[in-house]
């Protein structure tokens, strides 16, 4: 069993990549658009990789479980897992996010706020 935190990476990668956008140069919107498209494509490829190589189709229980003690004195945990229903929705979210980024390609007014 692989204990690599795949689901945490899927959740935190776009958030951390979005936090970089305000620091990108504002001398045009090409850099911001290409950066956002690259992040979306990388996220979609990562989700597809996890779906193809780490998800077991014959197991209908929750898979890729993660449980981290986040704030111990109030017993908060960071718990993630995928079942058969949610993996399709996760794939769909990655695909639609990439399509939405491509559909927003003509946006030229204040792209830093738009893509952030």
N, C-alpha and C. Protein backbone atom coordinates (compact mmCIF):
# COMPACT_ATOMS: atom_id res chain seq x y z
N UNK A 1 0.83 -1.18 0.00
CA UNK A 1 0.00 0.00 0.00
C UNK A 1 0.87 1.25 0.00
N UNK A 2 0.54 2.18 -0.85
CA UNK A 2 1.30 3.40 -0.99
C UNK A 2 0.76 4.45 -0.04
N UNK A 3 1.62 5.06 0.75
CA UNK A 3 1.18 6.06 1.73
C UNK A 3 1.55 7.47 1.30
N UNK A 4 1.76 7.68 0.02
CA UNK A 4 2.07 9.02 -0.48
C UNK A 4 0.79 9.87 -0.42
N UNK A 5 0.84 11.12 0.02
CA UNK A 5 -0.38 11.93 0.20
C UNK A 5 -0.92 12.50 -1.11
N UNK A 6 -1.41 11.63 -1.99
CA UNK A 6 -1.90 12.07 -3.30
C UNK A 6 -3.05 13.06 -3.18
N UNK A 7 -4.00 12.78 -2.33
CA UNK A 7 -5.18 13.63 -2.24
C UNK A 7 -4.86 15.00 -1.65
N UNK A 8 -3.95 15.04 -0.71
CA UNK A 8 -3.53 16.32 -0.16
C UNK A 8 -2.85 17.16 -1.23
N UNK A 9 -2.07 16.53 -2.08
CA UNK A 9 -1.42 17.26 -3.17
C UNK A 9 -2.45 17.77 -4.16
N UNK A 10 -3.47 16.97 -4.46
CA UNK A 10 -4.52 17.41 -5.38
C UNK A 10 -5.25 18.64 -4.83
N UNK A 11 -5.45 18.68 -3.52
CA UNK A 11 -6.16 19.81 -2.91
C UNK A 11 -5.26 21.03 -2.77
N UNK A 12 -4.04 20.85 -2.31
CA UNK A 12 -3.19 21.99 -1.98
C UNK A 12 -2.38 22.55 -3.15
N UNK A 13 -2.17 21.76 -4.20
CA UNK A 13 -1.39 22.25 -5.34
C UNK A 13 -2.04 23.46 -6.02
N UNK A 14 -3.33 23.43 -6.38
CA UNK A 14 -3.91 24.62 -7.01
C UNK A 14 -3.97 25.83 -6.08
N UNK A 15 -4.16 25.59 -4.81
CA UNK A 15 -4.20 26.71 -3.86
C UNK A 15 -2.83 27.37 -3.77
N UNK A 16 -1.79 26.57 -3.63
CA UNK A 16 -0.44 27.14 -3.54
C UNK A 16 -0.01 27.77 -4.86
N UNK A 17 -0.43 27.19 -5.98
CA UNK A 17 -0.09 27.78 -7.28
C UNK A 17 -0.83 29.10 -7.48
N UNK A 18 -2.05 29.21 -6.97
CA UNK A 18 -2.80 30.45 -7.07
C UNK A 18 -2.19 31.56 -6.24
N UNK A 19 -1.54 31.20 -5.15
CA UNK A 19 -0.91 32.21 -4.31
C UNK A 19 0.32 32.83 -4.96
N UNK A 20 0.85 32.22 -6.01
CA UNK A 20 2.00 32.75 -6.72
C UNK A 20 1.58 33.83 -7.73
N UNK A 21 0.34 33.80 -8.17
CA UNK A 21 -0.13 34.71 -9.23
C UNK A 21 0.08 36.18 -8.89
N UNK A 22 -0.18 36.66 -7.67
CA UNK A 22 0.07 38.09 -7.40
C UNK A 22 1.52 38.51 -7.54
N UNK A 23 2.43 37.56 -7.50
CA UNK A 23 3.85 37.89 -7.60
C UNK A 23 4.40 37.80 -9.02
N UNK A 24 3.58 37.40 -9.97
CA UNK A 24 4.01 37.34 -11.36
C UNK A 24 4.06 38.75 -11.93
N UNK A 25 4.91 39.00 -12.93
CA UNK A 25 5.01 40.36 -13.49
C UNK A 25 3.70 40.79 -14.15
N UNK A 26 3.42 42.06 -14.04
CA UNK A 26 2.16 42.58 -14.58
C UNK A 26 2.34 43.25 -15.94
N UNK A 27 3.38 42.92 -16.66
CA UNK A 27 3.67 43.54 -17.95
C UNK A 27 2.96 42.84 -19.09
N UNK A 28 1.80 42.38 -18.87
CA UNK A 28 1.05 41.67 -19.89
C UNK A 28 0.37 40.47 -19.27
N UNK A 29 -0.60 39.98 -19.98
CA UNK A 29 -1.35 38.87 -19.39
C UNK A 29 -0.94 37.52 -19.94
N UNK A 30 0.02 37.46 -20.84
CA UNK A 30 0.43 36.17 -21.39
C UNK A 30 1.05 35.26 -20.33
N UNK A 31 1.88 35.83 -19.49
CA UNK A 31 2.56 35.02 -18.48
C UNK A 31 1.53 34.43 -17.52
N UNK A 32 0.58 35.23 -17.09
CA UNK A 32 -0.43 34.76 -16.14
C UNK A 32 -1.32 33.70 -16.77
N UNK A 33 -1.71 33.92 -18.04
CA UNK A 33 -2.57 32.94 -18.71
C UNK A 33 -1.84 31.62 -18.91
N UNK A 34 -0.60 31.64 -19.37
CA UNK A 34 0.14 30.41 -19.59
C UNK A 34 0.46 29.70 -18.28
N UNK A 35 0.75 30.47 -17.26
CA UNK A 35 1.01 29.88 -15.95
C UNK A 35 -0.25 29.16 -15.44
N UNK A 36 -1.40 29.81 -15.54
CA UNK A 36 -2.65 29.21 -15.09
C UNK A 36 -3.00 27.97 -15.89
N UNK A 37 -2.82 28.03 -17.19
CA UNK A 37 -3.09 26.86 -18.02
C UNK A 37 -2.15 25.72 -17.67
N UNK A 38 -0.88 26.02 -17.43
CA UNK A 38 0.07 24.99 -17.03
C UNK A 38 -0.29 24.33 -15.71
N UNK A 39 -0.73 25.14 -14.76
CA UNK A 39 -1.15 24.59 -13.46
C UNK A 39 -2.37 23.70 -13.63
N UNK A 40 -3.34 24.14 -14.42
CA UNK A 40 -4.56 23.34 -14.64
C UNK A 40 -4.25 22.03 -15.35
N UNK A 41 -3.41 22.08 -16.36
CA UNK A 41 -3.03 20.86 -17.08
C UNK A 41 -2.25 19.90 -16.18
N UNK A 42 -1.35 20.45 -15.38
CA UNK A 42 -0.58 19.61 -14.47
C UNK A 42 -1.49 18.96 -13.43
N UNK A 43 -2.45 19.71 -12.94
CA UNK A 43 -3.41 19.16 -11.98
C UNK A 43 -4.25 18.05 -12.62
N UNK A 44 -4.71 18.28 -13.83
CA UNK A 44 -5.51 17.27 -14.52
C UNK A 44 -4.70 16.02 -14.82
N UNK A 45 -3.45 16.18 -15.22
CA UNK A 45 -2.59 15.03 -15.45
C UNK A 45 -2.30 14.27 -14.16
N UNK A 46 -2.14 14.99 -13.07
CA UNK A 46 -1.91 14.35 -11.78
C UNK A 46 -3.13 13.55 -11.35
N UNK A 47 -4.32 14.12 -11.52
CA UNK A 47 -5.55 13.40 -11.18
C UNK A 47 -5.70 12.16 -12.06
N UNK A 48 -5.40 12.30 -13.34
CA UNK A 48 -5.49 11.16 -14.25
C UNK A 48 -4.49 10.07 -13.88
N UNK A 49 -3.28 10.47 -13.51
CA UNK A 49 -2.26 9.50 -13.09
C UNK A 49 -2.73 8.73 -11.86
N UNK A 50 -3.27 9.44 -10.88
CA UNK A 50 -3.76 8.78 -9.67
C UNK A 50 -4.89 7.83 -10.00
N UNK A 51 -5.79 8.26 -10.87
CA UNK A 51 -6.92 7.42 -11.27
C UNK A 51 -6.44 6.15 -11.97
N UNK A 52 -5.47 6.27 -12.85
CA UNK A 52 -5.02 5.11 -13.63
C UNK A 52 -4.12 4.16 -12.85
N UNK A 53 -3.26 4.68 -11.98
CA UNK A 53 -2.23 3.83 -11.38
C UNK A 53 -2.41 3.54 -9.89
N UNK A 54 -3.22 4.31 -9.19
CA UNK A 54 -3.32 4.09 -7.75
C UNK A 54 -4.73 3.77 -7.27
N UNK A 55 -5.70 3.89 -8.12
CA UNK A 55 -7.07 3.57 -7.73
C UNK A 55 -7.39 2.14 -8.15
N UNK A 56 -7.87 1.34 -7.22
CA UNK A 56 -8.22 -0.06 -7.50
C UNK A 56 -9.70 -0.15 -7.84
N UNK A 57 -10.01 -0.53 -9.07
CA UNK A 57 -11.40 -0.55 -9.53
C UNK A 57 -12.23 -1.64 -8.86
N UNK A 58 -11.59 -2.71 -8.43
CA UNK A 58 -12.35 -3.82 -7.85
C UNK A 58 -12.66 -3.62 -6.37
N UNK A 59 -12.12 -2.59 -5.75
CA UNK A 59 -12.39 -2.29 -4.35
C UNK A 59 -13.38 -1.12 -4.27
N UNK A 60 -14.55 -1.35 -3.72
CA UNK A 60 -15.59 -0.33 -3.69
C UNK A 60 -15.59 0.49 -2.41
N UNK A 61 -14.65 0.23 -1.53
CA UNK A 61 -14.56 0.99 -0.30
C UNK A 61 -13.71 2.24 -0.52
N UNK A 62 -13.57 3.03 0.52
CA UNK A 62 -12.79 4.25 0.42
C UNK A 62 -11.31 3.89 0.27
N UNK A 63 -10.65 4.53 -0.70
CA UNK A 63 -9.25 4.25 -1.00
C UNK A 63 -8.43 5.52 -0.86
N UNK A 64 -7.13 5.36 -0.90
CA UNK A 64 -6.17 6.45 -0.78
C UNK A 64 -6.46 7.29 0.46
N UNK A 65 -6.74 6.63 1.56
CA UNK A 65 -7.09 7.31 2.80
C UNK A 65 -5.89 8.07 3.36
N UNK A 66 -6.19 9.26 3.85
CA UNK A 66 -5.19 10.07 4.54
C UNK A 66 -5.82 10.57 5.82
N UNK A 67 -5.09 10.51 6.88
CA UNK A 67 -5.56 11.01 8.17
C UNK A 67 -4.38 11.63 8.90
N UNK A 68 -4.42 12.95 9.06
CA UNK A 68 -3.35 13.67 9.74
C UNK A 68 -3.95 14.44 10.90
N UNK A 69 -3.28 14.37 12.03
CA UNK A 69 -3.70 15.14 13.19
C UNK A 69 -3.28 16.59 12.95
N UNK A 70 -4.25 17.46 12.79
CA UNK A 70 -3.97 18.82 12.39
C UNK A 70 -3.81 19.72 13.60
N UNK A 71 -4.84 19.86 14.41
CA UNK A 71 -4.77 20.67 15.63
C UNK A 71 -5.12 19.72 16.77
N UNK A 72 -4.10 19.29 17.48
CA UNK A 72 -4.28 18.19 18.42
C UNK A 72 -5.07 18.58 19.67
N UNK A 73 -4.94 19.78 20.17
CA UNK A 73 -5.61 20.08 21.43
C UNK A 73 -7.12 20.22 21.29
N UNK A 74 -7.64 20.38 20.07
CA UNK A 74 -9.10 20.34 19.88
C UNK A 74 -9.50 19.17 18.98
N UNK A 75 -8.55 18.28 18.73
CA UNK A 75 -8.79 17.03 18.01
C UNK A 75 -9.32 17.24 16.59
N UNK A 76 -8.68 18.17 15.86
CA UNK A 76 -9.00 18.37 14.44
C UNK A 76 -8.10 17.47 13.61
N UNK A 77 -8.69 16.81 12.62
CA UNK A 77 -7.94 15.94 11.73
C UNK A 77 -8.18 16.37 10.29
N UNK A 78 -7.17 16.17 9.47
CA UNK A 78 -7.27 16.35 8.02
C UNK A 78 -7.45 14.94 7.46
N UNK A 79 -8.68 14.63 7.03
CA UNK A 79 -8.99 13.28 6.54
C UNK A 79 -9.51 13.37 5.12
N UNK A 80 -8.92 12.58 4.25
CA UNK A 80 -9.34 12.52 2.86
C UNK A 80 -9.41 11.07 2.42
N UNK A 81 -10.27 10.79 1.44
CA UNK A 81 -10.39 9.47 0.87
C UNK A 81 -11.25 9.53 -0.39
N UNK A 82 -11.11 8.54 -1.25
CA UNK A 82 -11.85 8.48 -2.50
C UNK A 82 -12.63 7.18 -2.54
N UNK A 83 -13.89 7.27 -2.97
CA UNK A 83 -14.66 6.06 -3.25
C UNK A 83 -14.99 6.05 -4.75
N UNK A 84 -15.76 5.07 -5.17
CA UNK A 84 -16.05 4.91 -6.59
C UNK A 84 -16.84 6.05 -7.19
N UNK A 85 -17.67 6.70 -6.40
CA UNK A 85 -18.47 7.80 -6.91
C UNK A 85 -17.66 9.09 -7.03
N UNK A 86 -16.79 9.36 -6.08
CA UNK A 86 -16.07 10.64 -6.07
C UNK A 86 -14.92 10.70 -7.07
N UNK A 87 -14.35 9.56 -7.47
CA UNK A 87 -13.22 9.62 -8.40
C UNK A 87 -13.66 10.19 -9.74
N UNK A 88 -14.85 9.85 -10.20
CA UNK A 88 -15.35 10.43 -11.45
C UNK A 88 -15.58 11.92 -11.34
N UNK A 89 -16.09 12.36 -10.20
CA UNK A 89 -16.31 13.79 -9.99
C UNK A 89 -14.99 14.56 -9.90
N UNK A 90 -13.98 13.94 -9.31
CA UNK A 90 -12.67 14.58 -9.23
C UNK A 90 -12.06 14.71 -10.61
N UNK A 91 -12.17 13.66 -11.42
CA UNK A 91 -11.68 13.73 -12.81
C UNK A 91 -12.43 14.80 -13.60
N UNK A 92 -13.73 14.86 -13.43
CA UNK A 92 -14.54 15.85 -14.13
C UNK A 92 -14.16 17.27 -13.71
N UNK A 93 -13.89 17.48 -12.44
CA UNK A 93 -13.48 18.79 -11.96
C UNK A 93 -12.16 19.23 -12.58
N UNK A 94 -11.19 18.33 -12.65
CA UNK A 94 -9.92 18.66 -13.29
C UNK A 94 -10.08 18.99 -14.75
N UNK A 95 -10.93 18.25 -15.45
CA UNK A 95 -11.16 18.48 -16.87
C UNK A 95 -11.88 19.81 -17.11
N UNK A 96 -12.93 20.09 -16.34
CA UNK A 96 -13.70 21.31 -16.53
C UNK A 96 -12.89 22.54 -16.13
N UNK A 97 -12.05 22.43 -15.13
CA UNK A 97 -11.19 23.55 -14.75
C UNK A 97 -10.24 23.92 -15.89
N UNK A 98 -9.69 22.91 -16.55
CA UNK A 98 -8.82 23.16 -17.69
C UNK A 98 -9.60 23.78 -18.84
N UNK A 99 -10.80 23.27 -19.11
CA UNK A 99 -11.63 23.85 -20.17
C UNK A 99 -12.04 25.28 -19.85
N UNK A 100 -12.35 25.57 -18.60
CA UNK A 100 -12.73 26.93 -18.21
C UNK A 100 -11.56 27.89 -18.37
N UNK A 101 -10.36 27.42 -18.10
CA UNK A 101 -9.18 28.27 -18.30
C UNK A 101 -8.99 28.57 -19.78
N UNK A 102 -9.20 27.58 -20.62
CA UNK A 102 -9.10 27.82 -22.07
C UNK A 102 -10.23 28.73 -22.57
N UNK A 103 -11.42 28.59 -22.00
CA UNK A 103 -12.54 29.44 -22.42
C UNK A 103 -12.32 30.88 -22.00
N UNK A 104 -11.58 31.11 -20.93
CA UNK A 104 -11.30 32.46 -20.45
C UNK A 104 -10.05 33.06 -21.09
N UNK A 105 -9.52 32.41 -22.08
CA UNK A 105 -8.29 32.87 -22.71
C UNK A 105 -8.39 34.30 -23.27
N UNK A 106 -9.53 34.73 -23.84
CA UNK A 106 -9.60 36.09 -24.38
C UNK A 106 -9.66 37.19 -23.32
N UNK A 107 -9.79 36.87 -22.05
CA UNK A 107 -9.87 37.91 -21.02
C UNK A 107 -8.54 38.66 -20.97
N UNK A 108 -8.63 39.97 -21.18
CA UNK A 108 -7.42 40.78 -21.18
C UNK A 108 -7.44 41.85 -20.09
N UNK A 109 -8.58 42.11 -19.52
CA UNK A 109 -8.68 43.16 -18.52
C UNK A 109 -8.43 42.57 -17.14
N UNK A 110 -7.35 43.02 -16.52
CA UNK A 110 -6.97 42.62 -15.17
C UNK A 110 -6.91 41.10 -14.98
N UNK A 111 -6.06 40.42 -15.72
CA UNK A 111 -6.01 38.94 -15.64
C UNK A 111 -5.52 38.43 -14.29
N UNK A 112 -4.74 39.23 -13.60
CA UNK A 112 -4.24 38.78 -12.30
C UNK A 112 -5.38 38.52 -11.33
N UNK A 113 -6.34 39.42 -11.28
CA UNK A 113 -7.52 39.21 -10.42
C UNK A 113 -8.41 38.10 -10.96
N UNK A 114 -8.52 38.02 -12.27
CA UNK A 114 -9.41 37.02 -12.88
C UNK A 114 -8.93 35.61 -12.59
N UNK A 115 -7.64 35.34 -12.77
CA UNK A 115 -7.13 33.99 -12.59
C UNK A 115 -6.81 33.67 -11.14
N UNK A 116 -6.70 34.67 -10.29
CA UNK A 116 -6.42 34.43 -8.88
C UNK A 116 -7.67 33.92 -8.22
